[in-house]
Structures are given as structure tokens and as C-alpha cells.
Amino acid sequence: MLAEMIKQTHHEVVLVHSVAEAVGIFKREPIDLVVLDIVPEADAALTVAGVRKGVDDVLQRKIPLLVVAKSFSESAFLLERGDVDVLVEVPTHADQLKQMVEQYVGCKVK
């Protein structure tokens, strides 16, 4: 859903399924925002740390990290520690996601 909304703007969406795949993309593509959907079977802290390390090592600049998680209460520590910029609990409304993307990417999402 979010990927489709972003595709309607001037920004490209690249979907990946692992931290290693994301790091590979960081090496080849300019990235403005990382949207990370934490699946229930994943270790949120480990996944976020891997993405952050990839961003720091490869891009060497701060990239906003928006995390979508099943349980806000279980993932709130990521926000409290400053590991992520935005934490959104699913299900969420499209308008809320649009607003967050617009804030970090600087474009209007239809």
C-alpha cells in the first residue's frame, strides 16, 4: 500500500526482503527514506541495527528510518533509544503514512 502511494510521486520504491539485500541497494541507489516493515518473526532490534549499520557504513549520512510494527508497545524501545525516526503500528491509516512520508521525503503523496 505505502509502496504504491510513493510510486505515484517522483520517488522510486525499491522493495527488499533482508538486511543484506538492503545494504546491497544502499551501495547502488540513492536513498532518501527507509521504510522497514518488521514482520512478527523478526528480531526488531537486530533488524533495525543491521539497517542502521548498513546506512552508516555505505551512505555515511543520516537517513530517516520509518518502522512499521505489529505492536507499538513491544517496539517502542526503538523510538525511545533513537534507533528509528518514526514508529507506526499496524494496522494504520493511509493518511497517517502519507503524512509521514511527506515529512521526510518532502513530496506530496496522492
PDB file of N, CA and C in Angstrom:
ATOM      1  N   MET A   1       0.820  -1.187   0.000  1.00  0.00           N
ATOM      2  CA  MET A   1       0.000   0.000   0.000  1.00  0.00           C
ATOM      3  C   MET A   1       0.869   1.258   0.000  1.00  0.00           C
ATOM      4  N   LEU A   2       1.791   1.377   0.947  1.00  0.00           N
ATOM      5  CA  LEU A   2       2.652   2.548   1.008  1.00  0.00           C
ATOM      6  C   LEU A   2       3.545   2.630  -0.222  1.00  0.00           C
ATOM      7  N   ALA A   3       4.061   1.504  -0.648  1.00  0.00           N
ATOM      8  CA  ALA A   3       4.910   1.484  -1.842  1.00  0.00           C
ATOM      9  C   ALA A   3       4.155   2.037  -3.045  1.00  0.00           C
ATOM     10  N   GLU A   4       2.911   1.660  -3.194  1.00  0.00           N
ATOM     11  CA  GLU A   4       2.105   2.152  -4.320  1.00  0.00           C
ATOM     12  C   GLU A   4       1.882   3.654  -4.226  1.00  0.00           C
ATOM     13  N   MET A   5       1.652   4.166  -3.013  1.00  0.00           N
ATOM     14  CA  MET A   5       1.457   5.607  -2.841  1.00  0.00           C
ATOM     15  C   MET A   5       2.723   6.371  -3.218  1.00  0.00           C
ATOM     16  N   ILE A   6       3.865   5.880  -2.772  1.00  0.00           N
ATOM     17  CA  ILE A   6       5.125   6.570  -3.050  1.00  0.00           C
ATOM     18  C   ILE A   6       5.461   6.510  -4.534  1.00  0.00           C
ATOM     19  N   LYS A   7       5.142   5.415  -5.185  1.00  0.00           N
ATOM     20  CA  LYS A   7       5.410   5.277  -6.622  1.00  0.00           C
ATOM     21  C   LYS A   7       4.684   6.337  -7.440  1.00  0.00           C
ATOM     22  N   GLN A   8       3.597   6.889  -6.905  1.00  0.00           N
ATOM     23  CA  GLN A   8       2.835   7.912  -7.618  1.00  0.00           C
ATOM     24  C   GLN A   8       3.518   9.276  -7.559  1.00  0.00           C
ATOM     25  N   THR A   9       4.614   9.394  -6.831  1.00  0.00           N
ATOM     26  CA  THR A   9       5.359  10.649  -6.729  1.00  0.00           C
ATOM     27  C   THR A   9       6.595  10.552  -7.617  1.00  0.00           C
ATOM     28  N   HIS A  10       7.517  11.439  -7.400  1.00  0.00           N
ATOM     29  CA  HIS A  10       8.760  11.453  -8.182  1.00  0.00           C
ATOM     30  C   HIS A  10       9.812  10.518  -7.608  1.00  0.00           C
ATOM     31  N   HIS A  11       9.434   9.690  -6.664  1.00  0.00           N
ATOM     32  CA  HIS A  11      10.405   8.832  -5.991  1.00  0.00           C
ATOM     33  C   HIS A  11      10.249   7.381  -6.402  1.00  0.00           C
ATOM     34  N   GLU A  12      11.372   6.730  -6.478  1.00  0.00           N
ATOM     35  CA  GLU A  12      11.402   5.310  -6.805  1.00  0.00           C
ATOM     36  C   GLU A  12      11.286   4.504  -5.515  1.00  0.00           C
ATOM     37  N   VAL A  13      10.609   3.388  -5.591  1.00  0.00           N
ATOM     38  CA  VAL A  13      10.469   2.481  -4.458  1.00  0.00           C
ATOM     39  C   VAL A  13      11.234   1.210  -4.779  1.00  0.00           C
ATOM     40  N   VAL A  14      12.083   0.813  -3.855  1.00  0.00           N
ATOM     41  CA  VAL A  14      12.843  -0.420  -4.009  1.00  0.00           C
ATOM     42  C   VAL A  14      12.457  -1.334  -2.852  1.00  0.00           C
ATOM     43  N   LEU A  15      11.892  -2.485  -3.169  1.00  0.00           N
ATOM     44  CA  LEU A  15      11.485  -3.434  -2.135  1.00  0.00           C
ATOM     45  C   LEU A  15      12.575  -4.471  -1.933  1.00  0.00           C
ATOM     46  N   VAL A  16      12.893  -4.742  -0.670  1.00  0.00           N
ATOM     47  CA  VAL A  16      13.878  -5.775  -0.338  1.00  0.00           C
ATOM     48  C   VAL A  16      13.300  -6.658   0.762  1.00  0.00           C
ATOM     49  N   HIS A  17      13.920  -7.816   0.943  1.00  0.00           N
ATOM     50  CA  HIS A  17      13.394  -8.774   1.915  1.00  0.00           C
ATOM     51  C   HIS A  17      14.387  -9.156   2.999  1.00  0.00           C
ATOM     52  N   SER A  18      15.545  -8.504   3.020  1.00  0.00           N
ATOM     53  CA  SER A  18      16.533  -8.806   4.053  1.00  0.00           C
ATOM     54  C   SER A  18      17.452  -7.607   4.251  1.00  0.00           C
ATOM     55  N   VAL A  19      18.131  -7.599   5.386  1.00  0.00           N
ATOM     56  CA  VAL A  19      19.094  -6.536   5.660  1.00  0.00           C
ATOM     57  C   VAL A  19      20.222  -6.576   4.630  1.00  0.00           C
ATOM     58  N   ALA A  20      20.708  -7.761   4.317  1.00  0.00           N
ATOM     59  CA  ALA A  20      21.794  -7.889   3.336  1.00  0.00           C
ATOM     60  C   ALA A  20      21.382  -7.326   1.980  1.00  0.00           C
ATOM     61  N   GLU A  21      20.160  -7.605   1.581  1.00  0.00           N
ATOM     62  CA  GLU A  21      19.654  -7.083   0.312  1.00  0.00           C
ATOM     63  C   GLU A  21      19.557  -5.555   0.365  1.00  0.00           C
ATOM     64  N   ALA A  22      19.125  -5.016   1.503  1.00  0.00           N
ATOM     65  CA  ALA A  22      19.030  -3.563   1.662  1.00  0.00           C
ATOM     66  C   ALA A  22      20.405  -2.915   1.552  1.00  0.00           C
ATOM     67  N   VAL A  23      21.397  -3.498   2.203  1.00  0.00           N
ATOM     68  CA  VAL A  23      22.755  -2.951   2.144  1.00  0.00           C
ATOM     69  C   VAL A  23      23.263  -2.949   0.703  1.00  0.00           C
ATOM     70  N   GLY A  24      22.950  -3.989  -0.048  1.00  0.00           N
ATOM     71  CA  GLY A  24      23.319  -4.026  -1.459  1.00  0.00           C
ATOM     72  C   GLY A  24      22.693  -2.884  -2.236  1.00  0.00           C
ATOM     73  N   ILE A  25      21.447  -2.572  -1.936  1.00  0.00           N
ATOM     74  CA  ILE A  25      20.760  -1.449  -2.588  1.00  0.00           C
ATOM     75  C   ILE A  25      21.420  -0.132  -2.192  1.00  0.00           C
ATOM     76  N   PHE A  26      21.782   0.015  -0.911  1.00  0.00           N
ATOM     77  CA  PHE A  26      22.441   1.249  -0.462  1.00  0.00           C
ATOM     78  C   PHE A  26      23.701   1.518  -1.269  1.00  0.00           C
ATOM     79  N   LYS A  27      24.367   0.464  -1.707  1.00  0.00           N
ATOM     80  CA  LYS A  27      25.611   0.610  -2.474  1.00  0.00           C
ATOM     81  C   LYS A  27      25.361   1.072  -3.904  1.00  0.00           C
ATOM     82  N   ARG A  28      24.136   0.852  -4.416  1.00  0.00           N
ATOM     83  CA  ARG A  28      23.852   1.146  -5.827  1.00  0.00           C
ATOM     84  C   ARG A  28      22.879   2.292  -6.060  1.00  0.00           C
ATOM     85  N   GLU A  29      22.042   2.599  -5.084  1.00  0.00           N
ATOM     86  CA  GLU A  29      20.947   3.552  -5.298  1.00  0.00           C
ATOM     87  C   GLU A  29      21.011   4.707  -4.301  1.00  0.00           C
ATOM     88  N   PRO A  30      20.628   5.912  -4.726  1.00  0.00           N
ATOM     89  CA  PRO A  30      20.480   6.999  -3.752  1.00  0.00           C
ATOM     90  C   PRO A  30      19.199   6.761  -2.939  1.00  0.00           C
ATOM     91  N   ILE A  31      19.297   6.843  -1.645  1.00  0.00           N
ATOM     92  CA  ILE A  31      18.167   6.540  -0.762  1.00  0.00           C
ATOM     93  C   ILE A  31      17.821   7.788   0.049  1.00  0.00           C
ATOM     94  N   ASP A  32      16.521   8.135   0.099  1.00  0.00           N
ATOM     95  CA  ASP A  32      16.052   9.283   0.875  1.00  0.00           C
ATOM     96  C   ASP A  32      15.356   8.874   2.166  1.00  0.00           C
ATOM     97  N   LEU A  33      14.787   7.680   2.177  1.00  0.00           N
ATOM     98  CA  LEU A  33      13.985   7.218   3.312  1.00  0.00           C
ATOM     99  C   LEU A  33      13.975   5.698   3.299  1.00  0.00           C
ATOM    100  N   VAL A  34      14.090   5.107   4.482  1.00  0.00           N
ATOM    101  CA  VAL A  34      13.954   3.660   4.610  1.00  0.00           C
ATOM    102  C   VAL A  34      12.673   3.396   5.382  1.00  0.00           C
ATOM    103  N   VAL A  35      11.783   2.619   4.782  1.00  0.00           N
ATOM    104  CA  VAL A  35      10.560   2.176   5.453  1.00  0.00           C
ATOM    105  C   VAL A  35      10.750   0.697   5.720  1.00  0.00           C
ATOM    106  N   LEU A  36      10.745   0.342   6.986  1.00  0.00           N
ATOM    107  CA  LEU A  36      11.042  -1.021   7.396  1.00  0.00           C
ATOM    108  C   LEU A  36       9.810  -1.635   8.042  1.00  0.00           C
ATOM    109  N   ASP A  37       9.293  -2.670   7.430  1.00  0.00           N
ATOM    110  CA  ASP A  37       8.140  -3.396   7.968  1.00  0.00           C
ATOM    111  C   ASP A  37       8.683  -4.576   8.768  1.00  0.00           C
ATOM    112  N   ILE A  38       8.542  -4.506  10.079  1.00  0.00           N
ATOM    113  CA  ILE A  38       9.053  -5.566  10.950  1.00  0.00           C
ATOM    114  C   ILE A  38       8.030  -6.691  11.005  1.00  0.00           C
ATOM    115  N   VAL A  39       8.374  -7.824  10.443  1.00  0.00           N
ATOM    116  CA  VAL A  39       7.474  -8.978  10.478  1.00  0.00           C
ATOM    117  C   VAL A  39       7.556  -9.621  11.857  1.00  0.00           C
ATOM    118  N   PRO A  40       6.468 -10.251  12.304  1.00  0.00           N
ATOM    119  CA  PRO A  40       6.423 -10.788  13.669  1.00  0.00           C
ATOM    120  C   PRO A  40       7.568 -11.735  14.029  1.00  0.00           C
ATOM    121  N   GLU A  41       8.028 -12.521  13.082  1.00  0.00           N
ATOM    122  CA  GLU A  41       9.083 -13.485  13.417  1.00  0.00           C
ATOM    123  C   GLU A  41      10.483 -12.872  13.429  1.00  0.00           C
ATOM    124  N   ALA A  42      10.609 -11.598  13.096  1.00  0.00           N
ATOM    125  CA  ALA A  42      11.918 -10.944  13.056  1.00  0.00           C
ATOM    126  C   ALA A  42      12.260 -10.329  14.410  1.00  0.00           C
ATOM    127  N   ASP A  43      13.532 -10.216  14.688  1.00  0.00           N
ATOM    128  CA  ASP A  43      14.028  -9.520  15.872  1.00  0.00           C
ATOM    129  C   ASP A  43      14.147  -8.045  15.485  1.00  0.00           C
ATOM    130  N   ALA A  44      13.243  -7.213  16.005  1.00  0.00           N
ATOM    131  CA  ALA A  44      13.181  -5.807  15.608  1.00  0.00           C
ATOM    132  C   ALA A  44      14.497  -5.079  15.865  1.00  0.00           C
ATOM    133  N   ALA A  45      15.074  -5.255  17.044  1.00  0.00           N
ATOM    134  CA  ALA A  45      16.307  -4.548  17.385  1.00  0.00           C
ATOM    135  C   ALA A  45      17.448  -4.957  16.460  1.00  0.00           C
ATOM    136  N   LEU A  46      17.557  -6.236  16.188  1.00  0.00           N
ATOM    137  CA  LEU A  46      18.619  -6.741  15.321  1.00  0.00           C
ATOM    138  C   LEU A  46      18.443  -6.247  13.884  1.00  0.00           C
ATOM    139  N   THR A  47      17.213  -6.259  13.405  1.00  0.00           N
ATOM    140  CA  THR A  47      16.930  -5.802  12.045  1.00  0.00           C
ATOM    141  C   THR A  47      17.232  -4.316  11.892  1.00  0.00           C
ATOM    142  N   VAL A  48      16.747  -3.515  12.837  1.00  0.00           N
ATOM    143  CA  VAL A  48      16.990  -2.072  12.785  1.00  0.00           C
ATOM    144  C   VAL A  48      18.486  -1.777  12.882  1.00  0.00           C
ATOM    145  N   ALA A  49      19.183  -2.467  13.771  1.00  0.00           N
ATOM    146  CA  ALA A  49      20.627  -2.259  13.914  1.00  0.00           C
ATOM    147  C   ALA A  49      21.359  -2.593  12.615  1.00  0.00           C
ATOM    148  N   GLY A  50      20.947  -3.654  11.948  1.00  0.00           N
ATOM    149  CA  GLY A  50      21.569  -4.030  10.679  1.00  0.00           C
ATOM    150  C   GLY A  50      21.349  -2.994   9.603  1.00  0.00           C
ATOM    151  N   VAL A  51      20.136  -2.467   9.531  1.00  0.00           N
ATOM    152  CA  VAL A  51      19.830  -1.436   8.536  1.00  0.00           C
ATOM    153  C   VAL A  51      20.606  -0.162   8.850  1.00  0.00           C
ATOM    154  N   ARG A  52      20.593   0.256  10.113  1.00  0.00           N
ATOM    155  CA  ARG A  52      21.328   1.466  10.511  1.00  0.00           C
ATOM    156  C   ARG A  52      22.820   1.323  10.202  1.00  0.00           C
ATOM    157  N   LYS A  53      23.390   0.173  10.515  1.00  0.00           N
ATOM    158  CA  LYS A  53      24.813  -0.059  10.246  1.00  0.00           C
ATOM    159  C   LYS A  53      25.082   0.015   8.744  1.00  0.00           C
ATOM    160  N   GLY A  54      24.197  -0.574   7.955  1.00  0.00           N
ATOM    161  CA  GLY A  54      24.346  -0.504   6.503  1.00  0.00           C
ATOM    162  C   GLY A  54      24.303   0.918   5.993  1.00  0.00           C
ATOM    163  N   VAL A  55      23.378   1.698   6.512  1.00  0.00           N
ATOM    164  CA  VAL A  55      23.271   3.108   6.118  1.00  0.00           C
ATOM    165  C   VAL A  55      24.542   3.851   6.515  1.00  0.00           C
ATOM    166  N   ASP A  56      24.975   3.665   7.761  1.00  0.00           N
ATOM    167  CA  ASP A  56      26.166   4.373   8.243  1.00  0.00           C
ATOM    168  C   ASP A  56      27.416   3.976   7.465  1.00  0.00           C
ATOM    169  N   ASP A  57      27.600   2.680   7.247  1.00  0.00           N
ATOM    170  CA  ASP A  57      28.806   2.189   6.572  1.00  0.00           C
ATOM    171  C   ASP A  57      28.850   2.559   5.097  1.00  0.00           C
ATOM    172  N   VAL A  58      27.716   2.440   4.427  1.00  0.00           N
ATOM    173  CA  VAL A  58      27.692   2.638   2.976  1.00  0.00           C
ATOM    174  C   VAL A  58      27.420   4.093   2.603  1.00  0.00           C
ATOM    175  N   LEU A  59      26.365   4.660   3.140  1.00  0.00           N
ATOM    176  CA  LEU A  59      25.965   6.008   2.735  1.00  0.00           C
ATOM    177  C   LEU A  59      26.666   7.096   3.533  1.00  0.00           C
ATOM    178  N   GLN A  60      27.062   6.774   4.737  1.00  0.00           N
ATOM    179  CA  GLN A  60      27.767   7.696   5.626  1.00  0.00           C
ATOM    180  C   GLN A  60      27.020   9.006   5.825  1.00  0.00           C
ATOM    181  N   ARG A  61      25.712   8.900   5.937  1.00  0.00           N
ATOM    182  CA  ARG A  61      24.877  10.056   6.272  1.00  0.00           C
ATOM    183  C   ARG A  61      23.601   9.546   6.922  1.00  0.00           C
ATOM    184  N   LYS A  62      22.918  10.428   7.618  1.00  0.00           N
ATOM    185  CA  LYS A  62      21.689  10.053   8.321  1.00  0.00           C
ATOM    186  C   LYS A  62      20.546   9.938   7.324  1.00  0.00           C
ATOM    187  N   ILE A  63      19.881   8.803   7.340  1.00  0.00           N
ATOM    188  CA  ILE A  63      18.700   8.566   6.511  1.00  0.00           C
ATOM    189  C   ILE A  63      17.536   8.305   7.462  1.00  0.00           C
ATOM    190  N   PRO A  64      16.391   8.967   7.272  1.00  0.00           N
ATOM    191  CA  PRO A  64      15.250   8.688   8.138  1.00  0.00           C
ATOM    192  C   PRO A  64      14.819   7.225   8.031  1.00  0.00           C
ATOM    193  N   LEU A  65      14.497   6.649   9.171  1.00  0.00           N
ATOM    194  CA  LEU A  65      14.054   5.257   9.232  1.00  0.00           C
ATOM    195  C   LEU A  65      12.664   5.214   9.847  1.00  0.00           C
ATOM    196  N   LEU A  66      11.693   4.850   9.026  1.00  0.00           N
ATOM    197  CA  LEU A  66      10.302   4.707   9.446  1.00  0.00           C
ATOM    198  C   LEU A  66      10.034   3.213   9.604  1.00  0.00           C
ATOM    199  N   VAL A  67       9.654   2.806  10.812  1.00  0.00           N
ATOM    200  CA  VAL A  67       9.423   1.394  11.091  1.00  0.00           C
ATOM    201  C   VAL A  67       7.939   1.143  11.300  1.00  0.00           C
ATOM    202  N   VAL A  68       7.442   0.136  10.600  1.00  0.00           N
ATOM    203  CA  VAL A  68       6.062  -0.317  10.751  1.00  0.00           C
ATOM    204  C   VAL A  68       6.120  -1.626  11.525  1.00  0.00           C
ATOM    205  N   ALA A  69       5.437  -1.670  12.675  1.00  0.00           N
ATOM    206  CA  ALA A  69       5.494  -2.854  13.532  1.00  0.00           C
ATOM    207  C   ALA A  69       4.096  -3.264  13.960  1.00  0.00           C
ATOM    208  N   LYS A  70       3.952  -4.526  14.281  1.00  0.00           N
ATOM    209  CA  LYS A  70       2.652  -5.056  14.692  1.00  0.00           C
ATOM    210  C   LYS A  70       2.226  -4.511  16.054  1.00  0.00           C
ATOM    211  N   SER A  71       3.180  -4.337  16.945  1.00  0.00           N
ATOM    212  CA  SER A  71       2.864  -3.876  18.292  1.00  0.00           C
ATOM    213  C   SER A  71       3.735  -2.688  18.665  1.00  0.00           C
ATOM    214  N   PHE A  72       3.099  -1.536  18.830  1.00  0.00           N
ATOM    215  CA  PHE A  72       3.835  -0.339  19.223  1.00  0.00           C
ATOM    216  C   PHE A  72       4.493  -0.550  20.576  1.00  0.00           C
ATOM    217  N   SER A  73       3.751  -1.125  21.514  1.00  0.00           N
ATOM    218  CA  SER A  73       4.285  -1.289  22.866  1.00  0.00           C
ATOM    219  C   SER A  73       5.520  -2.183  22.890  1.00  0.00           C
ATOM    220  N   GLU A  74       5.560  -3.188  22.040  1.00  0.00           N
ATOM    221  CA  GLU A  74       6.709  -4.090  22.003  1.00  0.00           C
ATOM    222  C   GLU A  74       7.902  -3.490  21.264  1.00  0.00           C
ATOM    223  N   SER A  75       7.661  -2.485  20.436  1.00  0.00           N
ATOM    224  CA  SER A  75       8.742  -1.892  19.637  1.00  0.00           C
ATOM    225  C   SER A  75       9.080  -0.464  20.048  1.00  0.00           C
ATOM    226  N   ALA A  76       8.375   0.071  21.039  1.00  0.00           N
ATOM    227  CA  ALA A  76       8.572   1.466  21.452  1.00  0.00           C
ATOM    228  C   ALA A  76      10.007   1.761  21.877  1.00  0.00           C
ATOM    229  N   PHE A  77      10.703   0.757  22.392  1.00  0.00           N
ATOM    230  CA  PHE A  77      12.091   0.958  22.821  1.00  0.00           C
ATOM    231  C   PHE A  77      12.972   1.443  21.672  1.00  0.00           C
ATOM    232  N   LEU A  78      12.637   1.071  20.437  1.00  0.00           N
ATOM    233  CA  LEU A  78      13.414   1.515  19.277  1.00  0.00           C
ATOM    234  C   LEU A  78      13.337   3.031  19.120  1.00  0.00           C
ATOM    235  N   LEU A  79      12.167   3.565  19.370  1.00  0.00           N
ATOM    236  CA  LEU A  79      11.949   5.004  19.281  1.00  0.00           C
ATOM    237  C   LEU A  79      12.603   5.705  20.470  1.00  0.00           C
ATOM    238  N   GLU A  80      12.419   5.142  21.658  1.00  0.00           N
ATOM    239  CA  GLU A  80      12.982   5.734  22.874  1.00  0.00           C
ATOM    240  C   GLU A  80      14.504   5.802  22.820  1.00  0.00           C
ATOM    241  N   ARG A  81      15.144   4.797  22.245  1.00  0.00           N
ATOM    242  CA  ARG A  81      16.609   4.763  22.144  1.00  0.00           C
ATOM    243  C   ARG A  81      17.133   5.609  20.993  1.00  0.00           C
ATOM    244  N   GLY A  82      16.246   6.097  20.147  1.00  0.00           N
ATOM    245  CA  GLY A  82      16.667   6.893  18.998  1.00  0.00           C
ATOM    246  C   GLY A  82      17.124   6.061  17.815  1.00  0.00           C
ATOM    247  N   ASP A  83      16.803   4.770  17.835  1.00  0.00           N
ATOM    248  CA  ASP A  83      17.194   3.885  16.734  1.00  0.00           C
ATOM    249  C   ASP A  83      16.388   4.156  15.470  1.00  0.00           C
ATOM    250  N   VAL A  84      15.149   4.616  15.634  1.00  0.00           N
ATOM    251  CA  VAL A  84      14.273   4.889  14.494  1.00  0.00           C
ATOM    252  C   VAL A  84      13.737   6.307  14.616  1.00  0.00           C
ATOM    253  N   ASP A  85      13.315   6.867  13.488  1.00  0.00           N
ATOM    254  CA  ASP A  85      12.765   8.217  13.486  1.00  0.00           C
ATOM    255  C   ASP A  85      11.260   8.219  13.695  1.00  0.00           C
ATOM    256  N   VAL A  86      10.596   7.199  13.174  1.00  0.00           N
ATOM    257  CA  VAL A  86       9.142   7.082  13.283  1.00  0.00           C
ATOM    258  C   VAL A  86       8.799   5.621  13.508  1.00  0.00           C
ATOM    259  N   LEU A  87       7.852   5.390  14.405  1.00  0.00           N
ATOM    260  CA  LEU A  87       7.352   4.042  14.651  1.00  0.00           C
ATOM    261  C   LEU A  87       5.843   4.067  14.458  1.00  0.00           C
ATOM    262  N   VAL A  88       5.365   3.222  13.571  1.00  0.00           N
ATOM    263  CA  VAL A  88       3.941   3.165  13.250  1.00  0.00           C
ATOM    264  C   VAL A  88       3.442   1.756  13.530  1.00  0.00           C
ATOM    265  N   GLU A  89       2.310   1.681  14.206  1.00  0.00           N
ATOM    266  CA  GLU A  89       1.705   0.381  14.491  1.00  0.00           C
ATOM    267  C   GLU A  89       0.704   0.034  13.396  1.00  0.00           C
ATOM    268  N   VAL A  90       0.706  -1.225  12.977  1.00  0.00           N
ATOM    269  CA  VAL A  90      -0.283  -1.685  12.006  1.00  0.00           C
ATOM    270  C   VAL A  90      -1.447  -2.317  12.746  1.00  0.00           C
ATOM    271  N   PRO A  91      -2.644  -2.225  12.252  1.00  0.00           N
ATOM    272  CA  PRO A  91      -2.978  -1.510  11.014  1.00  0.00           C
ATOM    273  C   PRO A  91      -2.927  -0.003  11.237  1.00  0.00           C
ATOM    274  N   THR A  92      -2.581   0.706  10.203  1.00  0.00           N
ATOM    275  CA  THR A  92      -2.526   2.159  10.268  1.00  0.00           C
ATOM    276  C   THR A  92      -3.295   2.722   9.081  1.00  0.00           C
ATOM    277  N   HIS A  93      -3.630   3.974   9.167  1.00  0.00           N
ATOM    278  CA  HIS A  93      -4.394   4.605   8.096  1.00  0.00           C
ATOM    279  C   HIS A  93      -3.459   5.149   7.024  1.00  0.00           C
ATOM    280  N   ALA A  94      -3.883   5.082   5.800  1.00  0.00           N
ATOM    281  CA  ALA A  94      -3.088   5.568   4.672  1.00  0.00           C
ATOM    282  C   ALA A  94      -2.726   7.037   4.850  1.00  0.00           C
ATOM    283  N   ASP A  95      -3.650   7.837   5.373  1.00  0.00           N
ATOM    284  CA  ASP A  95      -3.375   9.265   5.553  1.00  0.00           C
ATOM    285  C   ASP A  95      -2.216   9.499   6.517  1.00  0.00           C
ATOM    286  N   GLN A  96      -2.144   8.683   7.570  1.00  0.00           N
ATOM    287  CA  GLN A  96      -1.058   8.813   8.536  1.00  0.00           C
ATOM    288  C   GLN A  96       0.283   8.485   7.872  1.00  0.00           C
ATOM    289  N   LEU A  97       0.314   7.421   7.099  1.00  0.00           N
ATOM    290  CA  LEU A  97       1.544   7.043   6.404  1.00  0.00           C
ATOM    291  C   LEU A  97       1.950   8.103   5.385  1.00  0.00           C
ATOM    292  N   LYS A  98       0.986   8.617   4.640  1.00  0.00           N
ATOM    293  CA  LYS A  98       1.271   9.657   3.644  1.00  0.00           C
ATOM    294  C   LYS A  98       1.926  10.866   4.302  1.00  0.00           C
ATOM    295  N   GLN A  99       1.360  11.289   5.420  1.00  0.00           N
ATOM    296  CA  GLN A  99       1.871  12.461   6.124  1.00  0.00           C
ATOM    297  C   GLN A  99       3.324  12.251   6.561  1.00  0.00           C
ATOM    298  N   MET A 100       3.626  11.077   7.053  1.00  0.00           N
ATOM    299  CA  MET A 100       4.992  10.793   7.499  1.00  0.00           C
ATOM    300  C   MET A 100       5.978  10.777   6.336  1.00  0.00           C
ATOM    301  N   VAL A 101       5.584  10.169   5.237  1.00  0.00           N
ATOM    302  CA  VAL A 101       6.459  10.135   4.063  1.00  0.00           C
ATOM    303  C   VAL A 101       6.682  11.548   3.551  1.00  0.00           C
ATOM    304  N   GLU A 102       5.629  12.350   3.472  1.00  0.00           N
ATOM    305  CA  GLU A 102       5.754  13.733   3.015  1.00  0.00           C
ATOM    306  C   GLU A 102       6.717  14.514   3.899  1.00  0.00           C
ATOM    307  N   GLN A 103       6.651  14.273   5.199  1.00  0.00           N
ATOM    308  CA  GLN A 103       7.520  14.979   6.137  1.00  0.00           C
ATOM    309  C   GLN A 103       8.990  14.670   5.876  1.00  0.00           C
ATOM    310  N   TYR A 104       9.305  13.419   5.625  1.00  0.00           N
ATOM    311  CA  TYR A 104      10.707  13.019   5.487  1.00  0.00           C
ATOM    312  C   TYR A 104      11.249  13.096   4.068  1.00  0.00           C
ATOM    313  N   VAL A 105      10.398  12.926   3.079  1.00  0.00           N
ATOM    314  CA  VAL A 105      10.871  12.919   1.697  1.00  0.00           C
ATOM    315  C   VAL A 105      10.636  14.273   1.031  1.00  0.00           C
ATOM    316  N   GLY A 106       9.699  15.037   1.558  1.00  0.00           N
ATOM    317  CA  GLY A 106       9.464  16.359   1.023  1.00  0.00           C
ATOM    318  C   GLY A 106       8.642  16.381  -0.246  1.00  0.00           C
ATOM    319  N   CYS A 107       7.716  15.449  -0.375  1.00  0.00           N
ATOM    320  CA  CYS A 107       6.852  15.426  -1.549  1.00  0.00           C
ATOM    321  C   CYS A 107       5.427  15.191  -1.098  1.00  0.00           C
ATOM    322  N   LYS A 108       4.503  15.583  -1.916  1.00  0.00           N
ATOM    323  CA  LYS A 108       3.101  15.302  -1.644  1.00  0.00           C
ATOM    324  C   LYS A 108       2.772  13.925  -2.175  1.00  0.00           C
ATOM    325  N   VAL A 109       2.162  13.107  -1.340  1.00  0.00           N
ATOM    326  CA  VAL A 109       1.765  11.764  -1.737  1.00  0.00           C
ATOM    327  C   VAL A 109       0.274  11.788  -1.982  1.00  0.00           C
ATOM    328  N   LYS A 110      -0.128  11.306  -3.163  1.00  0.00           N
ATOM    329  CA  LYS A 110      -1.551  11.332  -3.535  1.00  0.00           C
ATOM    330  C   LYS A 110      -2.319  10.243  -2.835  1.00  0.00           C
TER     331      LYS A 110
END
